[in-house]
Amino acid sequence: MMNETAKRITIDPEVCGGRPCIRGLRIRVKDVLDMLAGGATREEILADYPYLENDDITAALEFASRATDHPVFAAAE
């Protein structure tokens, strides 16, 4: 699925200040994540944004998962 995610998540300095977006649209990965974190269901998001697809939401989640996958370092004291 990583290849499919790479096709759906685009980064363009001319769109949303270079932040990761869904398929070049002006909806950021963060927007999708914020809606999910706020309790919106996939169905609600897709109804509110009919140009989005279910796989776009999955791609946003996968992108975020990979972006946060890093070694944990000891906290500074």
N, C-alpha and C. Protein backbone atom coordinates (compact mmCIF):
# COMPACT_ATOMS: atom_id res chain seq x y z
N MET A 1 0.82 -1.20 0.00
CA MET A 1 0.00 0.00 0.00
C MET A 1 0.86 1.26 0.00
N MET A 2 2.14 1.15 0.35
CA MET A 2 2.98 2.33 0.44
C MET A 2 3.04 3.06 -0.90
N ASN A 3 3.09 2.34 -2.01
CA ASN A 3 3.12 2.96 -3.32
C ASN A 3 1.83 3.73 -3.58
N GLU A 4 0.71 3.14 -3.22
CA GLU A 4 -0.59 3.81 -3.39
C GLU A 4 -0.66 5.06 -2.52
N THR A 5 -0.14 4.99 -1.31
CA THR A 5 -0.12 6.15 -0.42
C THR A 5 0.72 7.26 -1.03
N ALA A 6 1.85 6.90 -1.57
CA ALA A 6 2.74 7.90 -2.17
C ALA A 6 2.04 8.62 -3.33
N LYS A 7 1.18 7.95 -4.04
CA LYS A 7 0.44 8.58 -5.14
C LYS A 7 -0.63 9.53 -4.62
N ARG A 8 -1.19 9.23 -3.48
CA ARG A 8 -2.31 10.02 -2.94
C ARG A 8 -1.85 11.22 -2.12
N ILE A 9 -0.68 11.13 -1.50
CA ILE A 9 -0.18 12.24 -0.68
C ILE A 9 0.84 13.02 -1.50
N THR A 10 0.54 14.29 -1.71
CA THR A 10 1.42 15.12 -2.53
C THR A 10 1.96 16.28 -1.71
N ILE A 11 3.15 16.69 -2.07
CA ILE A 11 3.78 17.85 -1.42
C ILE A 11 4.25 18.77 -2.53
N ASP A 12 3.65 19.96 -2.58
CA ASP A 12 3.94 20.94 -3.62
C ASP A 12 4.07 22.30 -2.95
N PRO A 13 5.21 22.96 -3.12
CA PRO A 13 5.39 24.26 -2.47
C PRO A 13 4.32 25.29 -2.85
N GLU A 14 3.65 25.08 -3.96
CA GLU A 14 2.62 26.02 -4.42
C GLU A 14 1.23 25.70 -3.87
N VAL A 15 1.10 24.58 -3.16
CA VAL A 15 -0.20 24.18 -2.62
C VAL A 15 -0.08 24.07 -1.11
N CYS A 16 -0.86 24.85 -0.39
CA CYS A 16 -0.90 24.83 1.09
C CYS A 16 0.48 24.98 1.71
N GLY A 17 1.30 25.82 1.11
CA GLY A 17 2.61 26.10 1.68
C GLY A 17 3.54 24.90 1.73
N GLY A 18 3.31 23.92 0.86
CA GLY A 18 4.18 22.75 0.83
C GLY A 18 3.83 21.69 1.85
N ARG A 19 2.74 21.86 2.56
CA ARG A 19 2.32 20.85 3.53
C ARG A 19 1.74 19.65 2.78
N PRO A 20 1.86 18.45 3.34
CA PRO A 20 1.32 17.26 2.68
C PRO A 20 -0.19 17.38 2.48
N CYS A 21 -0.63 17.15 1.24
CA CYS A 21 -2.03 17.26 0.86
C CYS A 21 -2.51 15.97 0.22
N ILE A 22 -3.81 15.88 0.10
CA ILE A 22 -4.43 14.74 -0.55
C ILE A 22 -4.52 15.02 -2.05
N ARG A 23 -3.84 14.22 -2.84
CA ARG A 23 -3.90 14.26 -4.31
C ARG A 23 -3.83 15.66 -4.91
N GLY A 24 -3.01 16.52 -4.35
CA GLY A 24 -2.85 17.86 -4.90
C GLY A 24 -4.01 18.80 -4.62
N LEU A 25 -5.02 18.30 -3.92
CA LEU A 25 -6.15 19.14 -3.54
C LEU A 25 -5.73 20.04 -2.39
N ARG A 26 -6.51 20.99 -2.10
CA ARG A 26 -6.19 21.90 -0.99
C ARG A 26 -6.78 21.41 0.32
N ILE A 27 -6.68 20.12 0.53
CA ILE A 27 -7.03 19.55 1.84
C ILE A 27 -5.79 18.81 2.34
N ARG A 28 -5.32 19.29 3.47
CA ARG A 28 -4.07 18.75 4.02
C ARG A 28 -4.30 17.44 4.74
N VAL A 29 -3.24 16.65 4.83
CA VAL A 29 -3.28 15.43 5.63
C VAL A 29 -3.71 15.79 7.04
N LYS A 30 -3.19 16.88 7.58
CA LYS A 30 -3.54 17.32 8.93
C LYS A 30 -5.03 17.59 9.06
N ASP A 31 -5.66 18.12 8.04
CA ASP A 31 -7.10 18.39 8.09
C ASP A 31 -7.87 17.09 8.29
N VAL A 32 -7.50 16.07 7.54
CA VAL A 32 -8.16 14.77 7.65
C VAL A 32 -7.93 14.19 9.04
N LEU A 33 -6.69 14.26 9.52
CA LEU A 33 -6.37 13.73 10.84
C LEU A 33 -7.12 14.48 11.94
N ASP A 34 -7.21 15.79 11.81
CA ASP A 34 -7.94 16.59 12.80
C ASP A 34 -9.42 16.22 12.84
N MET A 35 -10.00 15.98 11.67
CA MET A 35 -11.41 15.58 11.64
C MET A 35 -11.61 14.23 12.32
N LEU A 36 -10.72 13.28 12.03
CA LEU A 36 -10.82 11.96 12.66
C LEU A 36 -10.62 12.08 14.17
N ALA A 37 -9.63 12.86 14.58
CA ALA A 37 -9.36 13.04 16.01
C ALA A 37 -10.53 13.72 16.71
N GLY A 38 -11.24 14.55 15.98
CA GLY A 38 -12.40 15.25 16.53
C GLY A 38 -13.66 14.38 16.59
N GLY A 39 -13.54 13.15 16.12
CA GLY A 39 -14.66 12.24 16.22
C GLY A 39 -15.45 12.02 14.94
N ALA A 40 -15.06 12.67 13.86
CA ALA A 40 -15.76 12.47 12.59
C ALA A 40 -15.49 11.05 12.08
N THR A 41 -16.50 10.45 11.51
CA THR A 41 -16.33 9.14 10.89
C THR A 41 -15.87 9.33 9.45
N ARG A 42 -15.37 8.26 8.87
CA ARG A 42 -15.00 8.30 7.45
C ARG A 42 -16.20 8.73 6.62
N GLU A 43 -17.35 8.18 6.94
CA GLU A 43 -18.55 8.47 6.16
C GLU A 43 -18.89 9.96 6.23
N GLU A 44 -18.75 10.57 7.41
CA GLU A 44 -19.03 12.00 7.56
C GLU A 44 -18.05 12.84 6.75
N ILE A 45 -16.78 12.46 6.81
CA ILE A 45 -15.75 13.20 6.06
C ILE A 45 -16.04 13.11 4.56
N LEU A 46 -16.34 11.90 4.10
CA LEU A 46 -16.60 11.71 2.67
C LEU A 46 -17.87 12.45 2.23
N ALA A 47 -18.85 12.55 3.11
CA ALA A 47 -20.07 13.29 2.78
C ALA A 47 -19.79 14.80 2.70
N ASP A 48 -18.95 15.30 3.61
CA ASP A 48 -18.62 16.72 3.64
C ASP A 48 -17.65 17.13 2.53
N TYR A 49 -16.83 16.19 2.09
CA TYR A 49 -15.82 16.44 1.06
C TYR A 49 -15.96 15.39 -0.03
N PRO A 50 -16.95 15.53 -0.91
CA PRO A 50 -17.26 14.49 -1.88
C PRO A 50 -16.14 14.18 -2.88
N TYR A 51 -15.17 15.08 -3.00
CA TYR A 51 -14.04 14.82 -3.90
C TYR A 51 -12.99 13.91 -3.25
N LEU A 52 -13.12 13.66 -1.95
CA LEU A 52 -12.23 12.71 -1.28
C LEU A 52 -12.74 11.29 -1.48
N GLU A 53 -11.82 10.35 -1.38
CA GLU A 53 -12.16 8.94 -1.48
C GLU A 53 -11.73 8.24 -0.20
N ASN A 54 -12.34 7.12 0.08
CA ASN A 54 -12.01 6.36 1.28
C ASN A 54 -10.51 6.06 1.35
N ASP A 55 -9.91 5.73 0.21
CA ASP A 55 -8.47 5.44 0.19
C ASP A 55 -7.63 6.67 0.53
N ASP A 56 -8.16 7.88 0.33
CA ASP A 56 -7.44 9.10 0.72
C ASP A 56 -7.31 9.17 2.24
N ILE A 57 -8.35 8.79 2.94
CA ILE A 57 -8.32 8.79 4.40
C ILE A 57 -7.32 7.75 4.90
N THR A 58 -7.35 6.59 4.30
CA THR A 58 -6.38 5.55 4.67
C THR A 58 -4.96 6.04 4.40
N ALA A 59 -4.75 6.68 3.27
CA ALA A 59 -3.41 7.19 2.93
C ALA A 59 -2.94 8.23 3.94
N ALA A 60 -3.86 9.10 4.39
CA ALA A 60 -3.49 10.11 5.40
C ALA A 60 -3.05 9.45 6.69
N LEU A 61 -3.77 8.41 7.10
CA LEU A 61 -3.40 7.69 8.32
C LEU A 61 -2.05 6.98 8.16
N GLU A 62 -1.84 6.35 7.02
CA GLU A 62 -0.56 5.67 6.79
C GLU A 62 0.59 6.67 6.73
N PHE A 63 0.37 7.81 6.10
CA PHE A 63 1.39 8.85 6.02
C PHE A 63 1.77 9.31 7.42
N ALA A 64 0.77 9.57 8.25
CA ALA A 64 1.02 10.02 9.62
C ALA A 64 1.74 8.95 10.43
N SER A 65 1.37 7.71 10.22
CA SER A 65 2.01 6.61 10.94
C SER A 65 3.49 6.54 10.60
N ARG A 66 3.81 6.64 9.33
CA ARG A 66 5.22 6.60 8.92
C ARG A 66 5.97 7.84 9.39
N ALA A 67 5.31 8.98 9.40
CA ALA A 67 5.96 10.23 9.80
C ALA A 67 6.32 10.23 11.28
N THR A 68 5.62 9.46 12.06
CA THR A 68 5.89 9.44 13.51
C THR A 68 6.69 8.22 13.93
N ASP A 69 7.11 7.41 12.99
CA ASP A 69 7.88 6.20 13.30
C ASP A 69 9.37 6.56 13.36
N HIS A 70 9.83 6.88 14.55
CA HIS A 70 11.21 7.23 14.75
C HIS A 70 11.68 6.73 16.10
N PRO A 71 12.99 6.60 16.28
CA PRO A 71 13.49 6.13 17.57
C PRO A 71 13.12 7.10 18.69
N VAL A 72 12.91 6.57 19.85
CA VAL A 72 12.60 7.39 21.00
C VAL A 72 13.91 7.66 21.74
N PHE A 73 14.16 8.91 22.01
CA PHE A 73 15.36 9.32 22.72
C PHE A 73 14.98 9.72 24.13
N ALA A 74 15.93 9.61 25.04
CA ALA A 74 15.68 10.01 26.42
C ALA A 74 15.34 11.49 26.47
N ALA A 75 14.38 11.82 27.28
CA ALA A 75 13.97 13.21 27.42
C ALA A 75 15.08 14.03 28.06
N ALA A 76 15.22 15.25 27.60
CA ALA A 76 16.22 16.17 28.18
C ALA A 76 15.76 16.54 29.58
N GLU A 77 16.71 16.63 30.46
CA GLU A 77 16.39 17.00 31.84
C GLU A 77 16.62 18.46 32.10
